[in-house]
Amino acid sequence: MTATRYGARVSAAREDASRHHPFLDQVSWLLGSWVGEGEGLWDGGFEFEDALTYATDGRPRVEFRQLTWDKDGSMSHSEAGYLLLEDGGVVHMTVAEPSGVTETLSGTVAGESVTLRSVEIGHTPGAKPVTATARRISLHEDDLVVEVDIGMNDEPPVPHTRSLLRRTVSPAT
């Protein structure tokens, strides 16, 4: 596909987003770009800078991309995936990390909050032994709070990170 044809398809998808699926109303508060700071909650703790983008092409799914940097500016983590929306506040999430861990989660959207728990974890050879995850994404006034719990070696998930982000770009209307 040529770059011109690809660009035309991207533009068409953005235009289609204005005619969005009604399930997207459940998470309209989430769409856009967010930046802020986070903290690691495991022993020893750590601080990081976080950037998240949530976007849609109008179908009942939201693509996301997260980039995380250490306080010294070096890249420390990233992940990408989708929120897949269903009727009645049901939501599923897929997450892929360059560390070789993949997550499939299911949960609910209630008001301005998404709560998810893993139903399947995948690993490439040599990936960390993550065996369970939970995620919460919620809007508190103007701040997006993102919390991730991780379980290793068949242990239940425990709090791992918490980020507090501010919207930098609103979705196109």
N, C-alpha and C. Protein backbone atom coordinates (compact mmCIF):
# COMPACT_ATOMS: atom_id res chain seq x y z
N MET A 1 0.86 -1.16 0.00
CA MET A 1 0.00 0.00 0.00
C MET A 1 0.91 1.23 0.00
N THR A 2 0.60 2.19 -0.82
CA THR A 2 1.39 3.42 -0.88
C THR A 2 1.10 4.29 0.32
N ALA A 3 2.05 5.20 0.60
CA ALA A 3 1.87 6.11 1.74
C ALA A 3 0.65 7.00 1.54
N THR A 4 0.41 7.42 0.32
CA THR A 4 -0.75 8.28 0.04
C THR A 4 -2.05 7.53 0.33
N ARG A 5 -2.12 6.28 -0.13
CA ARG A 5 -3.33 5.50 0.10
C ARG A 5 -3.52 5.23 1.59
N TYR A 6 -2.41 4.93 2.30
CA TYR A 6 -2.48 4.71 3.74
C TYR A 6 -3.00 5.96 4.43
N GLY A 7 -2.44 7.14 4.06
CA GLY A 7 -2.87 8.40 4.67
C GLY A 7 -4.35 8.66 4.45
N ALA A 8 -4.84 8.32 3.25
CA ALA A 8 -6.27 8.51 2.96
C ALA A 8 -7.11 7.60 3.84
N ARG A 9 -6.66 6.38 4.07
CA ARG A 9 -7.41 5.45 4.94
C ARG A 9 -7.42 5.93 6.38
N VAL A 10 -6.28 6.46 6.85
CA VAL A 10 -6.22 6.99 8.21
C VAL A 10 -7.18 8.16 8.35
N SER A 11 -7.19 9.07 7.38
CA SER A 11 -8.10 10.21 7.41
C SER A 11 -9.55 9.76 7.42
N ALA A 12 -9.87 8.77 6.60
CA ALA A 12 -11.24 8.24 6.54
C ALA A 12 -11.62 7.63 7.88
N ALA A 13 -10.70 6.92 8.52
CA ALA A 13 -10.99 6.31 9.83
C ALA A 13 -11.26 7.39 10.87
N ARG A 14 -10.51 8.49 10.83
CA ARG A 14 -10.75 9.59 11.77
C ARG A 14 -12.12 10.21 11.54
N GLU A 15 -12.51 10.37 10.29
CA GLU A 15 -13.83 10.90 9.99
C GLU A 15 -14.92 9.95 10.48
N ASP A 16 -14.70 8.63 10.31
CA ASP A 16 -15.68 7.65 10.76
C ASP A 16 -15.83 7.68 12.28
N ALA A 17 -14.78 8.08 13.00
CA ALA A 17 -14.84 8.11 14.46
C ALA A 17 -15.92 9.07 14.95
N SER A 18 -16.23 10.08 14.13
CA SER A 18 -17.29 11.00 14.54
C SER A 18 -18.66 10.31 14.51
N ARG A 19 -18.77 9.20 13.77
CA ARG A 19 -19.99 8.40 13.75
C ARG A 19 -19.71 7.13 14.56
N HIS A 20 -19.47 7.30 15.83
CA HIS A 20 -19.00 6.20 16.65
C HIS A 20 -20.11 5.25 17.10
N HIS A 21 -19.68 4.07 17.44
CA HIS A 21 -20.58 3.05 17.97
C HIS A 21 -21.06 3.49 19.36
N PRO A 22 -22.33 3.24 19.70
CA PRO A 22 -22.85 3.70 20.99
C PRO A 22 -22.13 3.12 22.21
N PHE A 23 -21.50 1.96 22.10
CA PHE A 23 -20.76 1.40 23.24
C PHE A 23 -19.61 2.31 23.65
N LEU A 24 -19.11 3.15 22.72
CA LEU A 24 -18.01 4.05 23.05
C LEU A 24 -18.41 5.13 24.05
N ASP A 25 -19.71 5.39 24.17
CA ASP A 25 -20.17 6.39 25.14
C ASP A 25 -19.74 6.02 26.56
N GLN A 26 -19.58 4.71 26.82
CA GLN A 26 -19.19 4.23 28.15
C GLN A 26 -17.81 4.74 28.56
N VAL A 27 -16.93 4.99 27.58
CA VAL A 27 -15.55 5.37 27.89
C VAL A 27 -15.13 6.67 27.22
N SER A 28 -16.09 7.50 26.83
CA SER A 28 -15.74 8.76 26.16
C SER A 28 -14.84 9.62 27.04
N TRP A 29 -14.98 9.53 28.35
CA TRP A 29 -14.17 10.27 29.30
C TRP A 29 -12.69 9.88 29.25
N LEU A 30 -12.38 8.72 28.70
CA LEU A 30 -11.02 8.19 28.68
C LEU A 30 -10.24 8.61 27.44
N LEU A 31 -10.94 8.92 26.35
CA LEU A 31 -10.29 9.19 25.08
C LEU A 31 -9.40 10.43 25.13
N GLY A 32 -8.26 10.36 24.45
CA GLY A 32 -7.33 11.46 24.38
C GLY A 32 -5.95 11.03 24.85
N SER A 33 -5.09 12.01 25.08
CA SER A 33 -3.71 11.75 25.54
C SER A 33 -3.54 12.29 26.95
N TRP A 34 -2.78 11.56 27.73
CA TRP A 34 -2.59 11.86 29.15
C TRP A 34 -1.11 11.75 29.50
N VAL A 35 -0.59 12.60 30.36
CA VAL A 35 0.78 12.51 30.86
C VAL A 35 0.79 12.79 32.35
N GLY A 36 1.79 12.24 33.02
CA GLY A 36 1.90 12.48 34.45
C GLY A 36 3.01 11.66 35.06
N GLU A 37 2.88 11.44 36.34
CA GLU A 37 3.91 10.72 37.09
C GLU A 37 3.30 9.52 37.78
N GLY A 38 4.18 8.55 38.04
CA GLY A 38 3.73 7.36 38.71
C GLY A 38 4.74 6.91 39.74
N GLU A 39 4.29 5.93 40.52
CA GLU A 39 5.17 5.36 41.54
C GLU A 39 5.04 3.85 41.54
N GLY A 40 6.18 3.20 41.77
CA GLY A 40 6.19 1.76 41.96
C GLY A 40 5.86 1.45 43.40
N LEU A 41 5.04 0.45 43.62
CA LEU A 41 4.54 0.17 44.96
C LEU A 41 5.16 -1.07 45.60
N TRP A 42 6.03 -1.76 44.88
CA TRP A 42 6.71 -2.91 45.45
C TRP A 42 7.85 -2.44 46.34
N ASP A 43 8.42 -3.35 47.13
CA ASP A 43 9.52 -3.00 48.03
C ASP A 43 10.57 -2.18 47.30
N GLY A 44 11.03 -1.14 47.97
CA GLY A 44 12.05 -0.28 47.37
C GLY A 44 11.45 0.85 46.57
N GLY A 45 10.27 0.63 45.96
CA GLY A 45 9.58 1.65 45.20
C GLY A 45 10.43 2.26 44.09
N PHE A 46 9.81 3.05 43.26
CA PHE A 46 10.48 3.77 42.19
C PHE A 46 9.52 4.81 41.66
N GLU A 47 10.05 5.81 41.00
CA GLU A 47 9.23 6.85 40.40
C GLU A 47 9.43 6.83 38.90
N PHE A 48 8.40 7.26 38.16
CA PHE A 48 8.51 7.27 36.70
C PHE A 48 7.57 8.32 36.12
N GLU A 49 7.80 8.63 34.86
CA GLU A 49 6.92 9.51 34.10
C GLU A 49 6.15 8.64 33.14
N ASP A 50 4.90 8.97 32.92
CA ASP A 50 3.99 8.10 32.18
C ASP A 50 3.26 8.91 31.11
N ALA A 51 3.03 8.30 29.95
CA ALA A 51 2.22 8.91 28.89
C ALA A 51 1.31 7.84 28.33
N LEU A 52 0.02 8.14 28.23
CA LEU A 52 -0.97 7.20 27.70
C LEU A 52 -1.82 7.89 26.66
N THR A 53 -2.16 7.16 25.61
CA THR A 53 -3.08 7.66 24.60
C THR A 53 -4.16 6.61 24.38
N TYR A 54 -5.42 7.05 24.38
CA TYR A 54 -6.57 6.20 24.10
C TYR A 54 -7.27 6.79 22.88
N ALA A 55 -7.46 5.98 21.84
CA ALA A 55 -8.06 6.48 20.60
C ALA A 55 -8.99 5.42 20.02
N THR A 56 -9.92 5.88 19.17
CA THR A 56 -10.85 4.95 18.52
C THR A 56 -11.06 5.36 17.07
N ASP A 57 -11.45 4.40 16.26
CA ASP A 57 -11.82 4.69 14.87
C ASP A 57 -13.33 4.65 14.70
N GLY A 58 -14.05 4.62 15.81
CA GLY A 58 -15.51 4.64 15.77
C GLY A 58 -16.14 3.28 16.04
N ARG A 59 -15.36 2.22 15.90
CA ARG A 59 -15.89 0.88 16.23
C ARG A 59 -15.83 0.69 17.74
N PRO A 60 -16.50 -0.33 18.30
CA PRO A 60 -16.58 -0.47 19.76
C PRO A 60 -15.30 -1.03 20.39
N ARG A 61 -14.21 -0.33 20.12
CA ARG A 61 -12.92 -0.69 20.70
C ARG A 61 -12.10 0.58 20.83
N VAL A 62 -11.20 0.58 21.80
CA VAL A 62 -10.31 1.71 22.04
C VAL A 62 -8.88 1.18 22.04
N GLU A 63 -8.07 1.76 21.17
CA GLU A 63 -6.66 1.40 21.12
C GLU A 63 -5.92 2.23 22.16
N PHE A 64 -4.94 1.61 22.84
CA PHE A 64 -4.14 2.40 23.78
C PHE A 64 -2.66 2.12 23.58
N ARG A 65 -1.87 3.10 23.98
CA ARG A 65 -0.41 3.00 23.92
C ARG A 65 0.12 3.69 25.15
N GLN A 66 1.01 3.02 25.87
CA GLN A 66 1.62 3.59 27.07
C GLN A 66 3.13 3.61 26.90
N LEU A 67 3.75 4.71 27.27
CA LEU A 67 5.20 4.85 27.31
C LEU A 67 5.59 5.34 28.68
N THR A 68 6.63 4.75 29.26
CA THR A 68 7.07 5.08 30.60
C THR A 68 8.58 5.33 30.61
N TRP A 69 8.98 6.40 31.32
CA TRP A 69 10.38 6.75 31.44
C TRP A 69 10.79 6.80 32.90
N ASP A 70 12.05 6.41 33.17
CA ASP A 70 12.62 6.62 34.49
C ASP A 70 12.80 8.12 34.70
N LYS A 71 13.00 8.52 35.93
CA LYS A 71 13.17 9.95 36.23
C LYS A 71 14.39 10.55 35.52
N ASP A 72 15.38 9.71 35.13
CA ASP A 72 16.55 10.23 34.41
C ASP A 72 16.29 10.38 32.92
N GLY A 73 15.07 10.06 32.46
CA GLY A 73 14.70 10.23 31.06
C GLY A 73 14.87 9.00 30.20
N SER A 74 15.38 7.91 30.74
CA SER A 74 15.56 6.70 29.94
C SER A 74 14.25 5.89 29.90
N MET A 75 13.95 5.34 28.73
CA MET A 75 12.74 4.53 28.55
C MET A 75 12.81 3.32 29.47
N SER A 76 11.71 3.06 30.19
CA SER A 76 11.72 1.92 31.11
C SER A 76 10.64 0.88 30.82
N HIS A 77 9.54 1.29 30.14
CA HIS A 77 8.45 0.34 29.91
C HIS A 77 7.57 0.88 28.80
N SER A 78 6.89 -0.02 28.13
CA SER A 78 5.85 0.37 27.18
C SER A 78 4.89 -0.79 27.03
N GLU A 79 3.71 -0.47 26.57
CA GLU A 79 2.73 -1.51 26.27
C GLU A 79 1.68 -0.92 25.34
N ALA A 80 0.98 -1.82 24.67
CA ALA A 80 -0.05 -1.41 23.74
C ALA A 80 -1.15 -2.45 23.77
N GLY A 81 -2.35 -2.04 23.35
CA GLY A 81 -3.44 -3.00 23.32
C GLY A 81 -4.76 -2.34 22.99
N TYR A 82 -5.82 -3.03 23.38
CA TYR A 82 -7.18 -2.60 23.06
C TYR A 82 -8.11 -2.83 24.23
N LEU A 83 -9.06 -1.92 24.39
CA LEU A 83 -10.24 -2.14 25.21
C LEU A 83 -11.35 -2.52 24.24
N LEU A 84 -12.00 -3.64 24.46
CA LEU A 84 -13.07 -4.14 23.59
C LEU A 84 -14.36 -4.02 24.37
N LEU A 85 -15.28 -3.19 23.86
CA LEU A 85 -16.47 -2.82 24.61
C LEU A 85 -17.68 -3.63 24.19
N GLU A 86 -18.50 -4.00 25.17
CA GLU A 86 -19.74 -4.73 24.94
C GLU A 86 -20.88 -3.99 25.64
N ASP A 87 -22.07 -4.45 25.41
CA ASP A 87 -23.26 -3.86 26.02
C ASP A 87 -23.24 -4.05 27.54
N GLY A 88 -23.88 -3.14 28.25
CA GLY A 88 -24.05 -3.30 29.69
C GLY A 88 -22.80 -3.05 30.51
N GLY A 89 -21.81 -2.34 29.95
CA GLY A 89 -20.61 -2.04 30.72
C GLY A 89 -19.58 -3.14 30.76
N VAL A 90 -19.74 -4.18 29.95
CA VAL A 90 -18.75 -5.25 29.89
C VAL A 90 -17.58 -4.78 29.02
N VAL A 91 -16.36 -5.02 29.50
CA VAL A 91 -15.16 -4.61 28.76
C VAL A 91 -14.11 -5.71 28.88
N HIS A 92 -13.38 -5.90 27.79
CA HIS A 92 -12.24 -6.82 27.76
C HIS A 92 -11.04 -5.99 27.34
N MET A 93 -9.84 -6.42 27.74
CA MET A 93 -8.63 -5.68 27.40
C MET A 93 -7.56 -6.66 26.98
N THR A 94 -6.85 -6.31 25.92
CA THR A 94 -5.66 -7.06 25.54
C THR A 94 -4.47 -6.13 25.72
N VAL A 95 -3.36 -6.68 26.21
CA VAL A 95 -2.15 -5.90 26.46
C VAL A 95 -0.96 -6.70 25.96
N ALA A 96 -0.07 -6.05 25.22
CA ALA A 96 1.19 -6.68 24.79
C ALA A 96 2.34 -5.81 25.27
N GLU A 97 3.33 -6.45 25.88
CA GLU A 97 4.50 -5.74 26.38
C GLU A 97 5.75 -6.25 25.65
N PRO A 98 6.73 -5.39 25.40
CA PRO A 98 7.94 -5.86 24.73
C PRO A 98 8.76 -6.82 25.58
N SER A 99 8.41 -6.97 26.86
CA SER A 99 9.10 -7.92 27.73
C SER A 99 8.71 -9.36 27.42
N GLY A 100 7.68 -9.54 26.57
CA GLY A 100 7.23 -10.88 26.22
C GLY A 100 6.02 -11.34 26.99
N VAL A 101 5.42 -10.47 27.79
CA VAL A 101 4.21 -10.81 28.53
C VAL A 101 3.00 -10.25 27.79
N THR A 102 1.97 -11.06 27.67
CA THR A 102 0.69 -10.59 27.13
C THR A 102 -0.39 -10.85 28.18
N GLU A 103 -1.39 -9.98 28.19
CA GLU A 103 -2.49 -10.10 29.14
C GLU A 103 -3.81 -10.06 28.40
N THR A 104 -4.75 -10.87 28.83
CA THR A 104 -6.14 -10.77 28.42
C THR A 104 -6.92 -10.60 29.72
N LEU A 105 -7.67 -9.49 29.80
CA LEU A 105 -8.40 -9.16 31.02
C LEU A 105 -9.87 -8.95 30.69
N SER A 106 -10.73 -9.14 31.68
CA SER A 106 -12.16 -8.87 31.53
C SER A 106 -12.64 -8.12 32.75
N GLY A 107 -13.66 -7.28 32.54
CA GLY A 107 -14.19 -6.53 33.65
C GLY A 107 -15.36 -5.67 33.26
N THR A 108 -15.47 -4.53 33.95
CA THR A 108 -16.64 -3.67 33.76
C THR A 108 -16.24 -2.20 33.69
N VAL A 109 -17.13 -1.44 33.05
CA VAL A 109 -17.07 0.01 33.07
C VAL A 109 -18.26 0.46 33.90
N ALA A 110 -18.03 1.27 34.91
CA ALA A 110 -19.10 1.82 35.73
C ALA A 110 -18.80 3.30 35.94
N GLY A 111 -19.63 4.14 35.35
CA GLY A 111 -19.38 5.58 35.43
C GLY A 111 -18.06 5.90 34.78
N GLU A 112 -17.18 6.56 35.51
CA GLU A 112 -15.87 6.93 34.98
C GLU A 112 -14.79 6.06 35.61
N SER A 113 -15.03 4.74 35.57
CA SER A 113 -14.09 3.78 36.14
C SER A 113 -14.15 2.47 35.36
N VAL A 114 -12.97 1.92 35.07
CA VAL A 114 -12.84 0.62 34.43
C VAL A 114 -12.08 -0.28 35.40
N THR A 115 -12.64 -1.46 35.68
CA THR A 115 -12.01 -2.42 36.57
C THR A 115 -11.86 -3.74 35.82
N LEU A 116 -10.64 -4.28 35.79
CA LEU A 116 -10.35 -5.49 35.01
C LEU A 116 -9.49 -6.46 35.80
N ARG A 117 -9.69 -7.77 35.52
CA ARG A 117 -8.85 -8.83 36.09
C ARG A 117 -8.44 -9.76 34.96
N SER A 118 -7.24 -10.29 35.06
CA SER A 118 -6.73 -11.16 34.00
C SER A 118 -7.51 -12.47 33.94
N VAL A 119 -7.71 -12.93 32.71
CA VAL A 119 -8.29 -14.25 32.48
C VAL A 119 -7.28 -15.16 31.79
N GLU A 120 -6.22 -14.56 31.24
CA GLU A 120 -5.16 -15.33 30.61
C GLU A 120 -3.89 -14.48 30.53
N ILE A 121 -2.74 -15.10 30.78
CA ILE A 121 -1.45 -14.44 30.67
C ILE A 121 -0.59 -15.30 29.73
N GLY A 122 0.04 -14.65 28.77
CA GLY A 122 0.94 -15.35 27.85
C GLY A 122 2.38 -14.91 28.07
N HIS A 123 3.32 -15.79 27.70
CA HIS A 123 4.74 -15.50 27.91
C HIS A 123 5.56 -15.99 26.72
N THR A 124 6.58 -15.22 26.37
CA THR A 124 7.61 -15.73 25.47
C THR A 124 8.65 -16.41 26.35
N PRO A 125 9.50 -17.28 25.78
CA PRO A 125 10.56 -17.89 26.60
C PRO A 125 11.41 -16.80 27.25
N GLY A 126 11.67 -16.96 28.53
CA GLY A 126 12.49 -16.01 29.26
C GLY A 126 11.74 -14.83 29.86
N ALA A 127 10.45 -14.70 29.59
CA ALA A 127 9.68 -13.59 30.16
C ALA A 127 9.51 -13.79 31.66
N LYS A 128 9.29 -12.71 32.38
CA LYS A 128 9.07 -12.78 33.82
C LYS A 128 7.85 -13.65 34.11
N PRO A 129 7.84 -14.35 35.25
CA PRO A 129 6.74 -15.28 35.58
C PRO A 129 5.48 -14.60 36.11
N VAL A 130 4.97 -13.63 35.34
CA VAL A 130 3.71 -12.99 35.70
C VAL A 130 2.60 -14.01 35.48
N THR A 131 1.74 -14.20 36.48
CA THR A 131 0.67 -15.20 36.36
C THR A 131 -0.72 -14.62 36.57
N ALA A 132 -0.81 -13.36 37.01
CA ALA A 132 -2.11 -12.71 37.19
C ALA A 132 -1.92 -11.20 37.22
N THR A 133 -2.93 -10.48 36.72
CA THR A 133 -2.89 -9.02 36.77
C THR A 133 -4.29 -8.48 37.06
N ALA A 134 -4.33 -7.26 37.51
CA ALA A 134 -5.58 -6.52 37.68
C ALA A 134 -5.27 -5.07 37.33
N ARG A 135 -6.23 -4.39 36.75
CA ARG A 135 -6.04 -2.99 36.35
C ARG A 135 -7.29 -2.19 36.70
N ARG A 136 -7.05 -0.96 37.14
CA ARG A 136 -8.13 -0.01 37.40
C ARG A 136 -7.75 1.30 36.73
N ILE A 137 -8.69 1.84 35.97
CA ILE A 137 -8.50 3.12 35.31
C ILE A 137 -9.71 3.96 35.70
N SER A 138 -9.45 5.13 36.30
CA SER A 138 -10.59 5.93 36.75
C SER A 138 -10.29 7.41 36.65
N LEU A 139 -11.35 8.17 36.48
CA LEU A 139 -11.25 9.62 36.40
C LEU A 139 -11.67 10.20 37.74
N HIS A 140 -10.78 10.97 38.34
CA HIS A 140 -11.05 11.67 39.61
C HIS A 140 -10.87 13.15 39.34
N GLU A 141 -11.98 13.87 39.26
CA GLU A 141 -11.99 15.28 38.84
C GLU A 141 -11.34 15.34 37.46
N ASP A 142 -10.18 16.01 37.31
CA ASP A 142 -9.53 16.10 36.01
C ASP A 142 -8.37 15.13 35.86
N ASP A 143 -8.12 14.30 36.86
CA ASP A 143 -6.97 13.39 36.84
C ASP A 143 -7.38 11.97 36.47
N LEU A 144 -6.56 11.34 35.64
CA LEU A 144 -6.74 9.93 35.32
C LEU A 144 -5.83 9.14 36.26
N VAL A 145 -6.40 8.20 36.99
CA VAL A 145 -5.64 7.36 37.89
C VAL A 145 -5.58 5.96 37.28
N VAL A 146 -4.35 5.46 37.10
CA VAL A 146 -4.15 4.13 36.51
C VAL A 146 -3.39 3.29 37.53
N GLU A 147 -4.01 2.19 37.94
CA GLU A 147 -3.40 1.30 38.93
C GLU A 147 -3.26 -0.09 38.33
N VAL A 148 -2.09 -0.69 38.53
CA VAL A 148 -1.81 -2.02 38.01
C VAL A 148 -1.34 -2.90 39.16
N ASP A 149 -1.96 -4.07 39.29
CA ASP A 149 -1.56 -5.09 40.26
C ASP A 149 -0.97 -6.26 39.47
N ILE A 150 0.07 -6.88 40.02
CA ILE A 150 0.70 -8.01 39.35
C ILE A 150 0.90 -9.14 40.35
N GLY A 151 0.62 -10.37 39.90
CA GLY A 151 0.92 -11.57 40.66
C GLY A 151 2.00 -12.37 39.94
N MET A 152 3.00 -12.81 40.67
CA MET A 152 4.09 -13.59 40.11
C MET A 152 4.04 -15.01 40.69
N ASN A 153 4.46 -15.99 39.89
CA ASN A 153 4.61 -17.36 40.36
C ASN A 153 3.35 -17.89 41.05
N ASP A 154 2.20 -17.66 40.45
CA ASP A 154 0.90 -18.13 40.93
C ASP A 154 0.44 -17.49 42.24
N GLU A 155 1.07 -16.41 42.65
CA GLU A 155 0.62 -15.63 43.81
C GLU A 155 -0.50 -14.69 43.35
N PRO A 156 -1.41 -14.28 44.23
CA PRO A 156 -2.45 -13.31 43.83
C PRO A 156 -1.83 -11.95 43.50
N PRO A 157 -2.50 -11.18 42.66
CA PRO A 157 -1.96 -9.86 42.32
C PRO A 157 -1.89 -8.94 43.53
N VAL A 158 -0.80 -8.17 43.59
CA VAL A 158 -0.61 -7.15 44.63
C VAL A 158 -0.31 -5.82 43.92
N PRO A 159 -0.58 -4.68 44.58
CA PRO A 159 -0.33 -3.39 43.94
C PRO A 159 1.11 -3.27 43.43
N HIS A 160 1.25 -2.87 42.15
CA HIS A 160 2.56 -2.74 41.51
C HIS A 160 2.87 -1.28 41.16
N THR A 161 1.95 -0.61 40.43
CA THR A 161 2.17 0.79 40.08
C THR A 161 0.88 1.58 40.20
N ARG A 162 1.07 2.89 40.38
CA ARG A 162 -0.06 3.82 40.40
C ARG A 162 0.40 5.10 39.71
N SER A 163 -0.34 5.54 38.71
CA SER A 163 -0.02 6.76 37.97
C SER A 163 -1.15 7.77 38.12
N LEU A 164 -0.77 9.03 38.15
CA LEU A 164 -1.72 10.14 38.19
C LEU A 164 -1.41 11.02 36.97
N LEU A 165 -2.37 11.10 36.04
CA LEU A 165 -2.13 11.74 34.75
C LEU A 165 -3.12 12.86 34.49
N ARG A 166 -2.68 13.83 33.69
CA ARG A 166 -3.51 14.96 33.25
C ARG A 166 -3.69 14.88 31.74
N ARG A 167 -4.88 15.19 31.27
CA ARG A 167 -5.15 15.17 29.83
C ARG A 167 -4.35 16.28 29.15
N THR A 168 -3.68 15.93 28.05
CA THR A 168 -2.94 16.91 27.26
C THR A 168 -3.60 17.15 25.91
N VAL A 169 -4.29 16.14 25.39
CA VAL A 169 -4.98 16.26 24.10
C VAL A 169 -6.34 15.60 24.24
N SER A 170 -7.38 16.32 23.88
CA SER A 170 -8.73 15.77 23.87
C SER A 170 -8.97 15.11 22.52
N PRO A 171 -9.88 14.15 22.47
CA PRO A 171 -10.17 13.51 21.18
C PRO A 171 -10.79 14.51 20.22
N ALA A 172 -10.59 14.27 18.93
CA ALA A 172 -11.22 15.11 17.90
C ALA A 172 -12.72 14.92 17.97
N THR A 173 -13.46 16.00 17.81
CA THR A 173 -14.92 15.89 17.84
C THR A 173 -15.50 16.22 16.50
